PDB file of N, CA and C in Angstrom:
ATOM      1  N   UNK A   1     -63.174  15.347 122.200  1.00  0.00           N
ATOM      2  CA  UNK A   1     -64.006  15.267 120.718  1.00  0.00           C
ATOM      3  C   UNK A   1     -65.397  14.898 121.440  1.00  0.00           C
ATOM      4  N   UNK A   2     -66.355  16.042 120.857  1.00  0.00           N
ATOM      5  CA  UNK A   2     -67.632  16.049 121.614  1.00  0.00           C
ATOM      6  C   UNK A   2     -68.367  15.152 120.306  1.00  0.00           C
ATOM      7  N   UNK A   3     -69.410  14.633 121.319  1.00  0.00           N
ATOM      8  CA  UNK A   3     -70.182  13.760 120.208  1.00  0.00           C
ATOM      9  C   UNK A   3     -71.799  14.424 119.507  1.00  0.00           C
ATOM     10  N   UNK A   4     -72.162  15.922 120.082  1.00  0.00           N
ATOM     11  CA  UNK A   4     -73.103  16.168 119.332  1.00  0.00           C
ATOM     12  C   UNK A   4     -73.416  17.383 118.901  1.00  0.00           C
ATOM     13  N   UNK A   5     -72.469  18.309 120.036  1.00  0.00           N
ATOM     14  CA  UNK A   5     -72.177  19.295 119.501  1.00  0.00           C
ATOM     15  C   UNK A   5     -70.719  20.101 119.294  1.00  0.00           C
ATOM     16  N   UNK A   6     -70.678  20.778 118.004  1.00  0.00           N
ATOM     17  CA  UNK A   6     -69.394  21.829 117.652  1.00  0.00           C
ATOM     18  C   UNK A   6     -69.534  22.992 118.065  1.00  0.00           C
ATOM     19  N   UNK A   7     -68.099  23.633 118.328  1.00  0.00           N
ATOM     20  CA  UNK A   7     -68.367  25.185 118.628  1.00  0.00           C
ATOM     21  C   UNK A   7     -67.320  25.300 117.396  1.00  0.00           C
ATOM     22  N   UNK A   8     -67.644  26.602 116.802  1.00  0.00           N
ATOM     23  CA  UNK A   8     -67.272  27.342 115.823  1.00  0.00           C
ATOM     24  C   UNK A   8     -66.598  28.332 115.920  1.00  0.00           C
ATOM     25  N   UNK A   9     -65.646  28.807 116.062  1.00  0.00           N
ATOM     26  CA  UNK A   9     -65.296  30.134 116.654  1.00  0.00           C
ATOM     27  C   UNK A   9     -66.129  31.509 115.734  1.00  0.00           C
ATOM     28  N   UNK A  10     -66.459  32.581 115.685  1.00  0.00           N
ATOM     29  CA  UNK A  10     -67.110  33.386 114.487  1.00  0.00           C
ATOM     30  C   UNK A  10     -66.153  34.087 114.751  1.00  0.00           C
ATOM     31  N   UNK A  11     -65.613  34.434 113.130  1.00  0.00           N
ATOM     32  CA  UNK A  11     -64.652  35.414 112.487  1.00  0.00           C
ATOM     33  C   UNK A  11     -65.377  37.093 112.955  1.00  0.00           C
ATOM     34  N   UNK A  12     -65.091  37.475 113.449  1.00  0.00           N
ATOM     35  CA  UNK A  12     -65.780  39.081 114.169  1.00  0.00           C
ATOM     36  C   UNK A  12     -64.755  40.091 113.620  1.00  0.00           C
ATOM     37  N   UNK A  13     -64.858  40.829 112.812  1.00  0.00           N
ATOM     38  CA  UNK A  13     -64.032  42.079 112.508  1.00  0.00           C
ATOM     39  C   UNK A  13     -64.467  43.039 113.474  1.00  0.00           C
ATOM     40  N   UNK A  14     -63.792  42.617 114.632  1.00  0.00           N
ATOM     41  CA  UNK A  14     -64.540  44.221 115.738  1.00  0.00           C
ATOM     42  C   UNK A  14     -63.040  44.001 116.527  1.00  0.00           C
ATOM     43  N   UNK A  15     -62.419  44.811 116.224  1.00  0.00           N
ATOM     44  CA  UNK A  15     -61.252  45.410 116.671  1.00  0.00           C
ATOM     45  C   UNK A  15     -61.330  45.950 118.483  1.00  0.00           C
ATOM     46  N   UNK A  16     -62.658  46.174 118.529  1.00  0.00           N
ATOM     47  CA  UNK A  16     -62.828  46.967 119.977  1.00  0.00           C
ATOM     48  C   UNK A  16     -63.314  45.381 121.598  1.00  0.00           C
ATOM     49  N   UNK A  17     -63.256  44.718 120.642  1.00  0.00           N
ATOM     50  CA  UNK A  17     -63.472  43.416 121.033  1.00  0.00           C
ATOM     51  C   UNK A  17     -62.954  42.131 121.909  1.00  0.00           C
ATOM     52  N   UNK A  18     -62.633  42.374 122.657  1.00  0.00           N
ATOM     53  CA  UNK A  18     -61.586  41.863 123.750  1.00  0.00           C
ATOM     54  C   UNK A  18     -61.260  40.261 124.126  1.00  0.00           C
ATOM     55  N   UNK A  19     -62.803  39.251 123.188  1.00  0.00           N
ATOM     56  CA  UNK A  19     -62.931  37.991 123.897  1.00  0.00           C
ATOM     57  C   UNK A  19     -63.683  37.505 122.776  1.00  0.00           C
ATOM     58  N   UNK A  20     -63.529  36.689 122.605  1.00  0.00           N
ATOM     59  CA  UNK A  20     -63.980  34.965 121.568  1.00  0.00           C
ATOM     60  C   UNK A  20     -65.470  35.168 121.295  1.00  0.00           C
ATOM     61  N   UNK A  21     -65.896  34.920 120.369  1.00  0.00           N
ATOM     62  CA  UNK A  21     -67.472  34.385 120.095  1.00  0.00           C
ATOM     63  C   UNK A  21     -67.626  33.105 119.400  1.00  0.00           C
ATOM     64  N   UNK A  22     -68.563  32.025 119.598  1.00  0.00           N
ATOM     65  CA  UNK A  22     -68.539  31.092 119.059  1.00  0.00           C
ATOM     66  C   UNK A  22     -69.886  30.692 118.466  1.00  0.00           C
ATOM     67  N   UNK A  23     -70.535  30.357 117.291  1.00  0.00           N
ATOM     68  CA  UNK A  23     -71.782  29.330 117.207  1.00  0.00           C
ATOM     69  C   UNK A  23     -71.863  28.091 117.616  1.00  0.00           C
ATOM     70  N   UNK A  24     -72.813  27.718 118.221  1.00  0.00           N
ATOM     71  CA  UNK A  24     -73.124  26.179 119.165  1.00  0.00           C
ATOM     72  C   UNK A  24     -73.908  25.519 117.533  1.00  0.00           C
ATOM     73  N   UNK A  25     -73.602  24.575 117.353  1.00  0.00           N
ATOM     74  CA  UNK A  25     -73.947  23.838 116.317  1.00  0.00           C
ATOM     75  C   UNK A  25     -73.650  22.463 116.223  1.00  0.00           C
ATOM     76  N   UNK A  26     -75.011  21.831 115.525  1.00  0.00           N
ATOM     77  CA  UNK A  26     -75.214  20.063 115.754  1.00  0.00           C
ATOM     78  C   UNK A  26     -74.135  19.581 115.290  1.00  0.00           C
ATOM     79  N   UNK A  27     -73.721  17.861 115.391  1.00  0.00           N
ATOM     80  CA  UNK A  27     -72.500  17.907 114.679  1.00  0.00           C
ATOM     81  C   UNK A  27     -73.354  16.898 112.791  1.00  0.00           C
ATOM     82  N   UNK A  28     -74.774  16.692 113.136  1.00  0.00           N
ATOM     83  CA  UNK A  28     -75.690  16.088 112.260  1.00  0.00           C
ATOM     84  C   UNK A  28     -76.060  17.152 110.967  1.00  0.00           C
ATOM     85  N   UNK A  29     -76.290  18.457 111.770  1.00  0.00           N
ATOM     86  CA  UNK A  29     -76.777  19.784 110.580  1.00  0.00           C
ATOM     87  C   UNK A  29     -75.455  20.365 111.083  1.00  0.00           C
ATOM     88  N   UNK A  30     -74.577  20.663 110.306  1.00  0.00           N
ATOM     89  CA  UNK A  30     -73.573  22.147 111.091  1.00  0.00           C
ATOM     90  C   UNK A  30     -74.271  23.219 110.138  1.00  0.00           C
ATOM     91  N   UNK A  31     -75.457  23.008 109.059  1.00  0.00           N
ATOM     92  CA  UNK A  31     -76.149  24.642 109.211  1.00  0.00           C
ATOM     93  C   UNK A  31     -76.786  25.332 109.790  1.00  0.00           C
ATOM     94  N   UNK A  32     -77.646  24.352 110.759  1.00  0.00           N
ATOM     95  CA  UNK A  32     -78.081  24.812 111.791  1.00  0.00           C
ATOM     96  C   UNK A  32     -77.735  25.406 113.126  1.00  0.00           C
ATOM     97  N   UNK A  33     -77.507  26.680 113.496  1.00  0.00           N
ATOM     98  CA  UNK A  33     -77.221  27.246 115.138  1.00  0.00           C
ATOM     99  C   UNK A  33     -77.907  27.232 115.697  1.00  0.00           C
ATOM    100  N   UNK A  34     -77.684  26.800 117.098  1.00  0.00           N
ATOM    101  CA  UNK A  34     -78.271  26.474 118.394  1.00  0.00           C
ATOM    102  C   UNK A  34     -78.764  27.627 118.842  1.00  0.00           C
ATOM    103  N   UNK A  35     -77.340  28.123 119.159  1.00  0.00           N
ATOM    104  CA  UNK A  35     -77.018  29.231 120.528  1.00  0.00           C
ATOM    105  C   UNK A  35     -75.559  29.766 119.973  1.00  0.00           C
ATOM    106  N   UNK A  36     -75.538  30.327 120.847  1.00  0.00           N
ATOM    107  CA  UNK A  36     -73.307  31.422 121.044  1.00  0.00           C
ATOM    108  C   UNK A  36     -73.343  31.287 122.015  1.00  0.00           C
ATOM    109  N   UNK A  37     -72.000  31.341 122.131  1.00  0.00           N
ATOM    110  CA  UNK A  37     -70.792  30.989 123.616  1.00  0.00           C
ATOM    111  C   UNK A  37     -70.248  32.499 123.635  1.00  0.00           C
ATOM    112  N   UNK A  38     -71.105  33.335 124.246  1.00  0.00           N
ATOM    113  CA  UNK A  38     -70.501  34.867 124.632  1.00  0.00           C
ATOM    114  C   UNK A  38     -69.868  35.104 126.212  1.00  0.00           C
ATOM    115  N   UNK A  39     -69.225  35.671 125.766  1.00  0.00           N
ATOM    116  CA  UNK A  39     -68.573  36.722 127.428  1.00  0.00           C
ATOM    117  C   UNK A  39     -69.552  37.360 127.676  1.00  0.00           C
ATOM    118  N   UNK A  40     -69.937  36.882 128.825  1.00  0.00           N
ATOM    119  CA  UNK A  40     -71.018  38.059 129.503  1.00  0.00           C
ATOM    120  C   UNK A  40     -70.614  38.689 130.575  1.00  0.00           C
ATOM    121  N   UNK A  41     -69.780  39.770 130.495  1.00  0.00           N
ATOM    122  CA  UNK A  41     -69.084  40.923 130.937  1.00  0.00           C
ATOM    123  C   UNK A  41     -69.297  40.901 132.771  1.00  0.00           C
ATOM    124  N   UNK A  42     -70.633  41.248 132.781  1.00  0.00           N
ATOM    125  CA  UNK A  42     -71.233  41.010 134.466  1.00  0.00           C
ATOM    126  C   UNK A  42     -70.778  40.300 135.023  1.00  0.00           C
ATOM    127  N   UNK A  43     -70.731  38.868 134.322  1.00  0.00           N
ATOM    128  CA  UNK A  43     -70.641  37.990 135.361  1.00  0.00           C
ATOM    129  C   UNK A  43     -69.037  37.039 135.702  1.00  0.00           C
ATOM    130  N   UNK A  44     -68.115  38.263 134.202  1.00  0.00           N
ATOM    131  CA  UNK A  44     -66.595  37.656 133.727  1.00  0.00           C
ATOM    132  C   UNK A  44     -66.403  36.304 133.524  1.00  0.00           C
ATOM    133  N   UNK A  45     -67.420  35.617 132.806  1.00  0.00           N
ATOM    134  CA  UNK A  45     -67.006  34.061 132.040  1.00  0.00           C
ATOM    135  C   UNK A  45     -68.411  33.676 131.538  1.00  0.00           C
ATOM    136  N   UNK A  46     -67.498  32.893 129.910  1.00  0.00           N
ATOM    137  CA  UNK A  46     -68.421  32.362 129.309  1.00  0.00           C
ATOM    138  C   UNK A  46     -69.860  32.077 129.218  1.00  0.00           C
ATOM    139  N   UNK A  47     -71.046  32.257 128.209  1.00  0.00           N
ATOM    140  CA  UNK A  47     -72.094  32.163 128.995  1.00  0.00           C
ATOM    141  C   UNK A  47     -72.816  31.393 127.601  1.00  0.00           C
ATOM    142  N   UNK A  48     -73.685  30.071 127.814  1.00  0.00           N
ATOM    143  CA  UNK A  48     -74.586  30.525 126.420  1.00  0.00           C
ATOM    144  C   UNK A  48     -75.522  30.960 126.424  1.00  0.00           C
ATOM    145  N   UNK A  49     -76.133  31.476 125.309  1.00  0.00           N
ATOM    146  CA  UNK A  49     -77.033  32.584 124.523  1.00  0.00           C
ATOM    147  C   UNK A  49     -78.332  31.471 123.829  1.00  0.00           C
ATOM    148  N   UNK A  50     -79.209  31.357 123.491  1.00  0.00           N
ATOM    149  CA  UNK A  50     -80.367  30.717 122.395  1.00  0.00           C
ATOM    150  C   UNK A  50     -79.924  31.905 121.150  1.00  0.00           C
ATOM    151  N   UNK A  51     -80.858  31.169 120.375  1.00  0.00           N
ATOM    152  CA  UNK A  51     -81.568  31.953 119.174  1.00  0.00           C
ATOM    153  C   UNK A  51     -82.859  32.050 119.674  1.00  0.00           C
ATOM    154  N   UNK A  52     -83.559  33.068 119.875  1.00  0.00           N
ATOM    155  CA  UNK A  52     -84.848  33.413 120.118  1.00  0.00           C
ATOM    156  C   UNK A  52     -85.713  32.041 118.506  1.00  0.00           C
ATOM    157  N   UNK A  53     -85.212  32.727 117.629  1.00  0.00           N
ATOM    158  CA  UNK A  53     -85.706  32.102 116.666  1.00  0.00           C
ATOM    159  C   UNK A  53     -86.387  30.682 116.013  1.00  0.00           C
ATOM    160  N   UNK A  54     -85.264  29.398 117.307  1.00  0.00           N
ATOM    161  CA  UNK A  54     -85.382  28.683 116.964  1.00  0.00           C
ATOM    162  C   UNK A  54     -86.014  27.648 118.278  1.00  0.00           C
ATOM    163  N   UNK A  55     -86.916  27.337 118.005  1.00  0.00           N
ATOM    164  CA  UNK A  55     -86.996  26.333 119.528  1.00  0.00           C
ATOM    165  C   UNK A  55     -85.962  25.261 119.981  1.00  0.00           C
ATOM    166  N   UNK A  56     -84.892  25.784 120.774  1.00  0.00           N
ATOM    167  CA  UNK A  56     -83.904  24.591 121.126  1.00  0.00           C
ATOM    168  C   UNK A  56     -83.973  23.692 122.302  1.00  0.00           C
ATOM    169  N   UNK A  57     -84.024  22.113 121.939  1.00  0.00           N
ATOM    170  CA  UNK A  57     -83.987  21.592 123.208  1.00  0.00           C
ATOM    171  C   UNK A  57     -82.853  20.608 122.799  1.00  0.00           C
ATOM    172  N   UNK A  58     -82.168  20.737 123.952  1.00  0.00           N
ATOM    173  CA  UNK A  58     -80.834  20.263 125.093  1.00  0.00           C
ATOM    174  C   UNK A  58     -81.118  19.285 125.985  1.00  0.00           C
ATOM    175  N   UNK A  59     -80.887  18.180 126.175  1.00  0.00           N
ATOM    176  CA  UNK A  59     -80.279  17.013 126.503  1.00  0.00           C
ATOM    177  C   UNK A  59     -79.118  17.132 127.867  1.00  0.00           C
ATOM    178  N   UNK A  60     -78.998  16.876 128.375  1.00  0.00           N
ATOM    179  CA  UNK A  60     -78.057  16.697 129.777  1.00  0.00           C
ATOM    180  C   UNK A  60     -76.539  16.506 129.457  1.00  0.00           C
ATOM    181  N   UNK A  61     -76.679  15.848 128.323  1.00  0.00           N
ATOM    182  CA  UNK A  61     -75.084  15.691 127.541  1.00  0.00           C
ATOM    183  C   UNK A  61     -74.884  16.651 126.654  1.00  0.00           C
ATOM    184  N   UNK A  62     -75.897  17.235 125.814  1.00  0.00           N
ATOM    185  CA  UNK A  62     -75.555  18.740 125.248  1.00  0.00           C
ATOM    186  C   UNK A  62     -75.021  19.664 126.147  1.00  0.00           C
ATOM    187  N   UNK A  63     -75.753  20.150 127.356  1.00  0.00           N
ATOM    188  CA  UNK A  63     -75.574  20.733 128.315  1.00  0.00           C
ATOM    189  C   UNK A  63     -74.256  20.944 128.561  1.00  0.00           C
ATOM    190  N   UNK A  64     -73.907  19.585 129.781  1.00  0.00           N
ATOM    191  CA  UNK A  64     -72.014  19.090 130.038  1.00  0.00           C
ATOM    192  C   UNK A  64     -71.862  19.501 128.562  1.00  0.00           C
ATOM    193  N   UNK A  65     -71.900  19.652 127.489  1.00  0.00           N
ATOM    194  CA  UNK A  65     -70.760  19.789 126.657  1.00  0.00           C
ATOM    195  C   UNK A  65     -70.942  20.933 126.595  1.00  0.00           C
ATOM    196  N   UNK A  66     -71.604  21.957 126.362  1.00  0.00           N
ATOM    197  CA  UNK A  66     -71.575  23.504 127.106  1.00  0.00           C
ATOM    198  C   UNK A  66     -71.383  24.020 127.884  1.00  0.00           C
ATOM    199  N   UNK A  67     -71.392  23.179 129.109  1.00  0.00           N
ATOM    200  CA  UNK A  67     -71.148  23.702 130.704  1.00  0.00           C
ATOM    201  C   UNK A  67     -69.366  23.625 130.483  1.00  0.00           C
ATOM    202  N   UNK A  68     -68.547  22.868 130.124  1.00  0.00           N
ATOM    203  CA  UNK A  68     -67.206  22.440 129.650  1.00  0.00           C
ATOM    204  C   UNK A  68     -66.774  23.150 128.992  1.00  0.00           C
ATOM    205  N   UNK A  69     -67.164  23.867 128.001  1.00  0.00           N
ATOM    206  CA  UNK A  69     -66.494  24.323 126.959  1.00  0.00           C
ATOM    207  C   UNK A  69     -66.451  25.938 128.024  1.00  0.00           C
ATOM    208  N   UNK A  70     -67.883  26.421 128.400  1.00  0.00           N
ATOM    209  CA  UNK A  70     -67.642  27.749 128.674  1.00  0.00           C
ATOM    210  C   UNK A  70     -66.713  27.874 129.982  1.00  0.00           C
ATOM    211  N   UNK A  71     -66.604  26.399 130.314  1.00  0.00           N
ATOM    212  CA  UNK A  71     -65.610  26.284 132.030  1.00  0.00           C
ATOM    213  C   UNK A  71     -64.100  26.835 131.290  1.00  0.00           C
ATOM    214  N   UNK A  72     -63.876  25.990 130.003  1.00  0.00           N
ATOM    215  CA  UNK A  72     -62.475  25.840 129.334  1.00  0.00           C
ATOM    216  C   UNK A  72     -62.321  27.528 128.582  1.00  0.00           C
ATOM    217  N   UNK A  73     -63.669  27.893 128.539  1.00  0.00           N
ATOM    218  CA  UNK A  73     -63.095  29.305 127.865  1.00  0.00           C
ATOM    219  C   UNK A  73     -62.279  30.216 128.262  1.00  0.00           C
ATOM    220  N   UNK A  74     -63.246  30.445 129.653  1.00  0.00           N
ATOM    221  CA  UNK A  74     -63.260  31.017 130.998  1.00  0.00           C
ATOM    222  C   UNK A  74     -61.935  31.288 131.902  1.00  0.00           C
ATOM    223  N   UNK A  75     -61.121  29.796 131.967  1.00  0.00           N
ATOM    224  CA  UNK A  75     -59.986  29.208 131.799  1.00  0.00           C
ATOM    225  C   UNK A  75     -59.139  30.028 131.334  1.00  0.00           C
ATOM    226  N   UNK A  76     -59.237  29.981 129.984  1.00  0.00           N
ATOM    227  CA  UNK A  76     -58.498  30.237 129.174  1.00  0.00           C
ATOM    228  C   UNK A  76     -57.991  31.481 129.256  1.00  0.00           C
ATOM    229  N   UNK A  77     -59.159  32.173 129.493  1.00  0.00           N
ATOM    230  CA  UNK A  77     -59.628  34.192 129.307  1.00  0.00           C
ATOM    231  C   UNK A  77     -58.647  34.424 130.225  1.00  0.00           C
ATOM    232  N   UNK A  78     -58.783  33.874 131.556  1.00  0.00           N
ATOM    233  CA  UNK A  78     -58.414  34.566 132.761  1.00  0.00           C
ATOM    234  C   UNK A  78     -56.546  34.285 132.736  1.00  0.00           C
ATOM    235  N   UNK A  79     -56.352  32.820 132.521  1.00  0.00           N
ATOM    236  CA  UNK A  79     -54.968  32.344 132.425  1.00  0.00           C
ATOM    237  C   UNK A  79     -54.216  33.587 130.953  1.00  0.00           C
ATOM    238  N   UNK A  80     -55.012  34.372 129.911  1.00  0.00           N
ATOM    239  CA  UNK A  80     -54.154  35.198 129.477  1.00  0.00           C
ATOM    240  C   UNK A  80     -54.302  36.820 130.017  1.00  0.00           C
ATOM    241  N   UNK A  81     -55.313  36.713 130.518  1.00  0.00           N
ATOM    242  CA  UNK A  81     -55.118  38.463 131.049  1.00  0.00           C
ATOM    243  C   UNK A  81     -54.094  38.381 132.141  1.00  0.00           C
ATOM    244  N   UNK A  82     -54.202  37.225 132.733  1.00  0.00           N
ATOM    245  CA  UNK A  82     -52.663  37.287 133.924  1.00  0.00           C
ATOM    246  C   UNK A  82     -51.660  37.101 132.926  1.00  0.00           C
ATOM    247  N   UNK A  83     -51.501  36.448 132.302  1.00  0.00           N
ATOM    248  CA  UNK A  83     -49.983  36.704 131.375  1.00  0.00           C
ATOM    249  C   UNK A  83     -49.957  37.891 130.915  1.00  0.00           C
ATOM    250  N   UNK A  84     -51.192  38.674 130.202  1.00  0.00           N
ATOM    251  CA  UNK A  84     -50.953  40.422 129.222  1.00  0.00           C
ATOM    252  C   UNK A  84     -50.830  41.526 130.863  1.00  0.00           C
ATOM    253  N   UNK A  85     -51.154  41.131 132.067  1.00  0.00           N
ATOM    254  CA  UNK A  85     -50.290  42.262 133.218  1.00  0.00           C
ATOM    255  C   UNK A  85     -49.013  41.347 133.683  1.00  0.00           C
ATOM    256  N   UNK A  86     -48.440  40.638 133.168  1.00  0.00           N
ATOM    257  CA  UNK A  86     -47.142  40.222 133.259  1.00  0.00           C
ATOM    258  C   UNK A  86     -46.075  41.053 132.625  1.00  0.00           C
ATOM    259  N   UNK A  87     -46.530  41.136 131.530  1.00  0.00           N
ATOM    260  CA  UNK A  87     -46.094  41.472 130.502  1.00  0.00           C
ATOM    261  C   UNK A  87     -45.770  43.187 130.557  1.00  0.00           C
TER     262      UNK A  87
END
């Protein structure tokens, strides 16, 4: 359970997209979007992207939560890729 940040999966209706996208929101103010977690194909991993319209300030705890989440989603994606190749 995160203390500061929520990760909310986007409901994107795009049949061409193979990876998930997530909003990064604060727990205290859930209407505020701090940024996005998106799959960055050049690096083949999930990465954090800020919203250029707002001034985002993140401390070490927030960044650690984002990093942990990106690593988990990347592991899940790689696992699903391996599983789909087995079929």
